[in-house]
Amino acid sequence: MGIQLSVRGNPMVGLYARAAEEFAVVGVKDESILEAIRDELDVDVVATTVAGSELVGAMLAANSNGILVCKHVTSRELEIMRKVADVYVVDTDMTCLGNVICVNDRGAIIHPEADMEIERAVEKRLDVEVARGTVGGIKTVGMAAAVTNRGGLLHPNANDWEVRKVEKILKIETEKGTVNFGQDMVGAGVIANSRGYIVGDDTTGFELGVLEQALGFVEW
């Protein structure tokens, strides 16, 4: 279960891709990476930048109801992403929506200082309950957690209140842990949906065990 890899030598694979249940958007046109994501997660895959950035995992938020991107996205990028999902442009200067939104198909935690436009877009376009909060004291909740419809891995410093909030709003069970030999911003190191995961190739065996439990693939 799961694949370990790096993108251009960088094990922070979650920065370069964002996956939902039926699709993934990848910021680099590397066929081996596209194939790995397609096969492991069983999704349709498109390759494009977002607002000119390869770091699409940081730039966009997504669930089964669609993709949210900032107003700096180009028409060509929108055209490519709309091959696999509905895409909605949010009128906000907070460009890295993948950083500030932690979402699955049931709920979302967003940056406590996110624009109201972002909150409304998550509620209306992604069609989920929204709460503001932090994970491990980190406001960029999309990078401090890796979540799917089956479970979630949270920043190791997440406190009990933060854990309960994530589990209540997203309706999942979670574990705390790291990836890539101690990297605590776990959302930057994981690409996942309910069928599988991709994680950075610096991730240790112990970290893999925690990740697989957190995402609901094994039970301890």
Protein backbone atom coordinates (compact mmCIF):
# COMPACT_ATOMS: atom_id res chain seq x y z
CA MET A 1 0.00 0.00 0.00
CA GLY A 2 1.33 3.41 -0.90
CA ILE A 3 4.22 4.70 -2.98
CA GLN A 4 7.31 6.60 -1.90
CA LEU A 5 8.88 9.04 -4.34
CA SER A 6 10.32 12.51 -4.77
CA VAL A 7 9.63 15.26 -7.28
CA ARG A 8 12.83 16.56 -8.86
CA GLY A 9 14.70 15.30 -5.83
CA ASN A 10 12.30 16.95 -3.38
CA PRO A 11 10.47 14.57 -1.01
CA MET A 12 7.83 17.21 -0.24
CA VAL A 13 5.52 15.67 -2.81
CA GLY A 14 2.37 17.25 -1.41
CA LEU A 15 3.55 20.64 -2.61
CA TYR A 16 3.37 19.51 -6.23
CA ALA A 17 -0.03 17.82 -6.40
CA ARG A 18 -3.53 17.88 -4.96
CA ALA A 19 -5.84 14.87 -5.12
CA ALA A 20 -9.54 14.24 -4.52
CA GLU A 21 -11.48 11.00 -4.86
CA GLU A 22 -11.73 11.00 -8.66
CA PHE A 23 -9.03 13.37 -9.89
CA ALA A 24 -5.62 14.88 -9.20
CA VAL A 25 -3.87 18.01 -10.42
CA VAL A 26 -0.08 17.82 -10.70
CA GLY A 27 2.25 20.75 -11.22
CA VAL A 28 5.03 18.96 -13.10
CA LYS A 29 4.86 17.16 -16.43
CA ASP A 30 6.80 14.09 -15.38
CA GLU A 31 5.14 10.99 -16.81
CA SER A 32 6.51 8.67 -14.13
CA ILE A 33 4.99 10.83 -11.41
CA LEU A 34 1.70 11.22 -13.26
CA GLU A 35 1.51 7.46 -13.76
CA ALA A 36 2.31 6.76 -10.10
CA ILE A 37 -0.47 9.07 -8.92
CA ARG A 38 -2.92 7.75 -11.52
CA ASP A 39 -2.27 4.13 -10.58
CA GLU A 40 -1.99 4.44 -6.81
CA LEU A 41 -4.95 6.76 -6.26
CA ASP A 42 -7.06 5.45 -9.17
CA VAL A 43 -7.83 8.97 -10.45
CA ASP A 44 -7.89 11.01 -13.63
CA VAL A 45 -4.78 13.19 -13.69
CA VAL A 46 -3.98 16.49 -15.39
CA ALA A 47 -0.69 18.38 -15.33
CA THR A 48 -0.70 22.17 -15.11
CA THR A 49 0.67 25.06 -13.14
CA VAL A 50 -1.67 27.25 -11.09
CA ALA A 51 -1.08 31.01 -11.31
CA GLY A 52 2.22 30.09 -12.95
CA SER A 53 3.39 27.96 -10.01
CA GLU A 54 4.29 24.28 -10.09
CA LEU A 55 3.37 24.06 -6.40
CA VAL A 56 -0.25 23.21 -7.09
CA GLY A 57 -0.64 21.37 -3.79
CA ALA A 58 -0.15 24.71 -2.08
CA MET A 59 -2.09 26.71 -4.67
CA LEU A 60 -5.42 24.87 -4.88
CA ALA A 61 -7.94 23.23 -2.57
CA ALA A 62 -10.22 20.45 -3.75
CA ASN A 63 -12.74 17.81 -2.86
CA SER A 64 -15.20 15.74 -4.89
CA ASN A 65 -17.33 18.82 -5.54
CA GLY A 66 -14.62 20.82 -7.28
CA ILE A 67 -11.45 22.86 -7.16
CA LEU A 68 -10.87 26.30 -5.65
CA VAL A 69 -8.14 28.56 -7.05
CA CYS A 70 -7.18 32.20 -6.59
CA LYS A 71 -7.94 34.99 -9.05
CA HIS A 72 -4.42 34.89 -10.52
CA VAL A 73 -5.10 31.60 -12.33
CA THR A 74 -4.81 31.81 -16.11
CA SER A 75 -7.47 30.85 -18.65
CA ARG A 76 -5.26 28.06 -20.00
CA GLU A 77 -4.77 26.60 -16.52
CA LEU A 78 -8.52 26.71 -15.94
CA GLU A 79 -9.12 24.96 -19.25
CA ILE A 80 -6.81 22.10 -18.29
CA MET A 81 -8.23 21.62 -14.79
CA ARG A 82 -11.81 21.70 -16.06
CA LYS A 83 -11.09 18.49 -17.95
CA VAL A 84 -11.37 16.64 -14.63
CA ALA A 85 -13.46 18.82 -12.30
CA ASP A 86 -15.49 21.97 -11.84
CA VAL A 87 -13.14 24.85 -11.02
CA TYR A 88 -14.11 27.97 -9.09
CA VAL A 89 -12.08 31.18 -8.92
CA VAL A 90 -12.06 32.92 -5.53
CA ASP A 91 -11.63 36.69 -5.46
CA THR A 92 -8.93 36.78 -2.80
CA ASP A 93 -5.34 37.94 -2.39
CA MET A 94 -4.58 34.79 -0.35
CA THR A 95 -3.17 32.97 -3.34
CA CYS A 96 -2.19 29.66 -1.73
CA LEU A 97 -5.62 28.18 -1.09
CA GLY A 98 -4.17 24.69 -0.61
CA ASN A 99 -2.19 26.06 2.32
CA VAL A 100 -5.10 27.76 4.03
CA ILE A 101 -7.84 25.14 3.51
CA CYS A 102 -7.87 21.60 4.95
CA VAL A 103 -10.85 19.85 3.38
CA ASN A 104 -12.41 16.50 2.55
CA ASP A 105 -15.91 15.67 1.29
CA ARG A 106 -17.50 16.23 4.70
CA GLY A 107 -15.97 19.37 6.17
CA ALA A 108 -13.19 21.94 6.17
CA ILE A 109 -10.91 23.72 8.61
CA ILE A 110 -9.61 27.01 7.24
CA HIS A 111 -6.96 29.55 8.24
CA PRO A 112 -8.35 31.60 11.15
CA GLU A 113 -7.72 34.84 9.24
CA ALA A 114 -8.93 33.67 5.83
CA ASP A 115 -10.99 36.10 3.77
CA MET A 116 -14.76 35.73 3.96
CA GLU A 117 -14.67 35.06 0.21
CA ILE A 118 -12.71 31.89 0.94
CA GLU A 119 -15.10 30.74 3.66
CA ARG A 120 -18.11 31.34 1.43
CA ALA A 121 -16.48 29.54 -1.51
CA VAL A 122 -15.70 26.48 0.60
CA GLU A 123 -19.25 26.37 1.92
CA LYS A 124 -20.96 26.99 -1.44
CA ARG A 125 -18.65 25.44 -4.02
CA LEU A 126 -17.09 22.57 -2.07
CA ASP A 127 -20.41 22.16 -0.22
CA VAL A 128 -19.09 21.38 3.25
CA GLU A 129 -19.33 22.71 6.79
CA VAL A 130 -16.52 25.16 7.55
CA ALA A 131 -14.75 26.06 10.78
CA ARG A 132 -11.77 28.30 11.38
CA GLY A 133 -8.86 26.91 13.33
CA THR A 134 -5.25 25.82 13.58
CA VAL A 135 -3.44 22.48 13.59
CA GLY A 136 -0.43 22.28 15.87
CA GLY A 137 -0.76 26.03 16.33
CA ILE A 138 -0.18 26.42 12.59
CA LYS A 139 -2.56 28.69 10.68
CA THR A 140 -1.73 27.14 7.29
CA VAL A 141 -3.85 24.12 8.09
CA GLY A 142 -3.65 22.68 4.59
CA MET A 143 0.06 22.03 5.08
CA ALA A 144 -0.20 21.02 8.76
CA ALA A 145 -2.58 18.12 8.01
CA ALA A 146 -3.08 15.46 5.35
CA VAL A 147 -6.73 14.35 5.24
CA THR A 148 -9.02 12.14 3.17
CA ASN A 149 -12.53 10.79 3.66
CA ARG A 150 -11.04 7.85 5.59
CA GLY A 151 -8.73 9.60 8.03
CA GLY A 152 -6.05 12.18 8.62
CA LEU A 153 -2.46 12.69 9.72
CA LEU A 154 -1.96 15.83 11.79
CA HIS A 155 1.03 17.94 12.83
CA PRO A 156 2.64 16.24 15.84
CA ASN A 157 2.05 19.31 18.03
CA ALA A 158 -1.71 19.31 17.47
CA ASN A 159 -3.41 19.66 20.85
CA ASP A 160 -6.46 17.77 22.02
CA TRP A 161 -8.82 20.65 21.18
CA GLU A 162 -7.48 20.89 17.62
CA VAL A 163 -7.73 17.13 17.14
CA ARG A 164 -11.33 17.05 18.35
CA LYS A 165 -12.25 19.95 16.07
CA VAL A 166 -10.74 18.35 12.97
CA GLU A 167 -12.38 15.01 13.73
CA LYS A 168 -15.77 16.61 14.42
CA ILE A 169 -15.87 18.89 11.36
CA LEU A 170 -14.29 16.48 8.84
CA LYS A 171 -15.93 13.41 10.45
CA ILE A 172 -12.78 11.30 10.47
CA GLU A 173 -10.39 9.73 12.93
CA THR A 174 -6.84 11.08 13.02
CA GLU A 175 -3.35 10.37 14.26
CA LYS A 176 -0.45 12.73 14.91
CA GLY A 177 2.87 12.13 13.20
CA THR A 178 5.55 13.19 10.77
CA VAL A 179 6.82 12.25 7.31
CA ASN A 180 10.18 12.49 5.56
CA PHE A 181 12.29 11.71 8.63
CA GLY A 182 10.70 14.19 11.00
CA GLN A 183 8.99 16.74 8.76
CA ASP A 184 6.03 18.03 10.76
CA MET A 185 4.20 19.88 7.95
CA VAL A 186 2.70 16.60 6.86
CA GLY A 187 0.37 18.05 4.24
CA ALA A 188 3.43 19.07 2.25
CA GLY A 189 4.71 15.50 2.21
CA VAL A 190 1.61 13.48 1.29
CA ILE A 191 -0.77 13.15 -1.67
CA ALA A 192 -3.74 10.94 -0.76
CA ASN A 193 -7.35 9.94 -1.21
CA SER A 194 -9.41 7.11 0.26
CA ARG A 195 -7.83 4.55 -2.08
CA GLY A 196 -4.13 5.19 -1.59
CA TYR A 197 -1.30 7.59 -0.87
CA ILE A 198 1.97 8.96 -2.20
CA VAL A 199 4.55 10.06 0.37
CA GLY A 200 8.07 11.46 0.19
CA ASP A 201 10.84 8.92 -0.15
CA ASP A 202 12.63 10.12 3.01
CA THR A 203 9.74 8.77 5.09
CA THR A 204 10.83 6.12 7.59
CA GLY A 205 9.23 2.76 8.22
CA PHE A 206 7.81 3.91 11.53
CA GLU A 207 6.35 7.03 9.92
CA LEU A 208 4.79 4.88 7.21
CA GLY A 209 3.08 2.76 9.84
CA VAL A 210 1.57 5.80 11.54
CA LEU A 211 0.53 7.28 8.18
CA GLU A 212 -1.20 4.09 7.07
CA GLN A 213 -3.09 3.89 10.35
CA ALA A 214 -3.98 7.59 10.20
CA LEU A 215 -5.38 7.28 6.67
CA GLY A 216 -7.39 4.18 7.55
CA PHE A 217 -5.43 1.58 5.62
CA VAL A 218 -4.36 -0.51 8.62
CA GLU A 219 -5.51 -0.98 12.21
CA TRP A 220 -3.26 -1.28 15.24
